[in-house]
Amino acid sequence: MPTYIYETVVSDPAKAKRYEIDQRMSAQPLATHPETGEPIRRVITGGLGFLGESRAASATAPQGGCGSGSCGHDHH
């Protein structure tokens, strides 16, 4: 079960408290803290933003591990 970051909804963002809450991926975001009843909102963080780029880069990389031919073999 993933852990999501939530913060309290307050007028001064510097005074917001953050919480880590375990929640199913299929569950709707919480609007209130389950124990305190305070209004909260889910915080969106960086996460896996580069996953797509690394897949694209590996798809265009030379295959075989010797892209420049300098992997210790003499190619005559």
C-alpha atoms as a PDB file:
ATOM      1  CA  MET A   1       0.000   0.000   0.000  1.00  0.00           C
ATOM      2  CA  PRO A   2       1.542   3.344  -1.005  1.00  0.00           C
ATOM      3  CA  THR A   3       2.202   6.152   1.430  1.00  0.00           C
ATOM      4  CA  TYR A   4       0.864   9.584   0.489  1.00  0.00           C
ATOM      5  CA  ILE A   5       1.884  12.945   1.907  1.00  0.00           C
ATOM      6  CA  TYR A   6      -0.911  15.179   3.139  1.00  0.00           C
ATOM      7  CA  GLU A   7      -0.780  18.641   4.703  1.00  0.00           C
ATOM      8  CA  THR A   8      -3.231  20.629   6.768  1.00  0.00           C
ATOM      9  CA  VAL A   9      -5.218  23.304   4.966  1.00  0.00           C
ATOM     10  CA  VAL A  10      -4.399  26.592   6.730  1.00  0.00           C
ATOM     11  CA  SER A  11      -4.295  30.236   5.672  1.00  0.00           C
ATOM     12  CA  ASP A  12      -0.523  30.487   6.344  1.00  0.00           C
ATOM     13  CA  PRO A  13       1.307  27.769   4.350  1.00  0.00           C
ATOM     14  CA  ALA A  14       4.338  28.106   6.650  1.00  0.00           C
ATOM     15  CA  LYS A  15       2.179  26.738   9.504  1.00  0.00           C
ATOM     16  CA  ALA A  16       0.895  23.699   7.596  1.00  0.00           C
ATOM     17  CA  LYS A  17       1.633  20.321   9.196  1.00  0.00           C
ATOM     18  CA  ARG A  18       2.526  17.350   6.979  1.00  0.00           C
ATOM     19  CA  TYR A  19       1.484  13.753   7.488  1.00  0.00           C
ATOM     20  CA  GLU A  20       2.333  10.466   5.789  1.00  0.00           C
ATOM     21  CA  ILE A  21      -0.777   8.321   5.394  1.00  0.00           C
ATOM     22  CA  ASP A  22      -0.922   4.771   3.997  1.00  0.00           C
ATOM     23  CA  GLN A  23      -3.779   4.500   1.537  1.00  0.00           C
ATOM     24  CA  ARG A  24      -4.845   2.199  -1.287  1.00  0.00           C
ATOM     25  CA  MET A  25      -4.150   3.544  -4.782  1.00  0.00           C
ATOM     26  CA  SER A  26      -7.829   3.141  -5.659  1.00  0.00           C
ATOM     27  CA  ALA A  27      -8.986   5.247  -2.663  1.00  0.00           C
ATOM     28  CA  GLN A  28     -10.109   8.826  -3.118  1.00  0.00           C
ATOM     29  CA  PRO A  29      -7.842  11.530  -1.606  1.00  0.00           C
ATOM     30  CA  LEU A  30      -8.740  12.358   1.978  1.00  0.00           C
ATOM     31  CA  ALA A  31     -10.323  15.709   2.896  1.00  0.00           C
ATOM     32  CA  THR A  32      -9.901  15.366   6.668  1.00  0.00           C
ATOM     33  CA  HIS A  33      -7.255  13.711   8.832  1.00  0.00           C
ATOM     34  CA  PRO A  34      -8.625  10.315   9.954  1.00  0.00           C
ATOM     35  CA  GLU A  35      -7.601  10.838  13.609  1.00  0.00           C
ATOM     36  CA  THR A  36      -7.768  14.596  14.220  1.00  0.00           C
ATOM     37  CA  GLY A  37     -10.527  15.655  11.809  1.00  0.00           C
ATOM     38  CA  GLU A  38      -8.378  18.581  10.580  1.00  0.00           C
ATOM     39  CA  PRO A  39      -8.921  19.584   6.930  1.00  0.00           C
ATOM     40  CA  ILE A  40      -6.072  18.182   4.810  1.00  0.00           C
ATOM     41  CA  ARG A  41      -5.083  17.906   1.163  1.00  0.00           C
ATOM     42  CA  ARG A  42      -2.802  15.506  -0.694  1.00  0.00           C
ATOM     43  CA  VAL A  43       0.587  16.954  -1.639  1.00  0.00           C
ATOM     44  CA  ILE A  44       1.897  16.155  -5.110  1.00  0.00           C
ATOM     45  CA  THR A  45       5.648  15.486  -5.044  1.00  0.00           C
ATOM     46  CA  GLY A  46       8.283  14.804  -7.730  1.00  0.00           C
ATOM     47  CA  GLY A  47       8.112  11.027  -7.522  1.00  0.00           C
ATOM     48  CA  LEU A  48       8.900   9.138 -10.737  1.00  0.00           C
ATOM     49  CA  GLY A  49       8.932  12.064 -13.160  1.00  0.00           C
ATOM     50  CA  PHE A  50      12.021  10.851 -15.003  1.00  0.00           C
ATOM     51  CA  LEU A  51      10.885   7.271 -15.543  1.00  0.00           C
ATOM     52  CA  GLY A  52       9.588   7.947 -19.061  1.00  0.00           C
ATOM     53  CA  GLU A  53      12.794   9.688 -20.179  1.00  0.00           C
ATOM     54  CA  SER A  54      15.044   6.846 -19.026  1.00  0.00           C
ATOM     55  CA  ARG A  55      12.942   4.332 -20.927  1.00  0.00           C
ATOM     56  CA  ALA A  56      13.130   6.454 -24.068  1.00  0.00           C
ATOM     57  CA  ALA A  57      16.898   6.837 -23.701  1.00  0.00           C
ATOM     58  CA  SER A  58      17.423   3.095 -23.276  1.00  0.00           C
ATOM     59  CA  ALA A  59      15.275   2.384 -26.337  1.00  0.00           C
ATOM     60  CA  THR A  60      17.610   4.467 -28.536  1.00  0.00           C
ATOM     61  CA  ALA A  61      20.886   3.253 -26.972  1.00  0.00           C
ATOM     62  CA  PRO A  62      23.073   0.927 -29.064  1.00  0.00           C
ATOM     63  CA  GLN A  63      22.474  -2.752 -28.340  1.00  0.00           C
ATOM     64  CA  GLY A  64      25.185  -5.229 -27.399  1.00  0.00           C
ATOM     65  CA  GLY A  65      27.041  -3.076 -24.860  1.00  0.00           C
ATOM     66  CA  CYS A  66      29.895  -2.116 -27.243  1.00  0.00           C
ATOM     67  CA  GLY A  67      28.369   0.936 -28.906  1.00  0.00           C
ATOM     68  CA  SER A  68      31.762   2.313 -29.999  1.00  0.00           C
ATOM     69  CA  GLY A  69      33.353  -1.088 -30.632  1.00  0.00           C
ATOM     70  CA  SER A  70      35.879  -0.558 -27.820  1.00  0.00           C
ATOM     71  CA  CYS A  71      34.853  -3.334 -25.467  1.00  0.00           C
ATOM     72  CA  GLY A  72      38.184  -5.155 -25.511  1.00  0.00           C
ATOM     73  CA  HIS A  73      37.723  -7.037 -28.759  1.00  0.00           C
ATOM     74  CA  ASP A  74      39.895  -6.484 -31.792  1.00  0.00           C
ATOM     75  CA  HIS A  75      37.602  -5.969 -34.792  1.00  0.00           C
ATOM     76  CA  HIS A  76      39.642  -6.374 -38.023  1.00  0.00           C
END
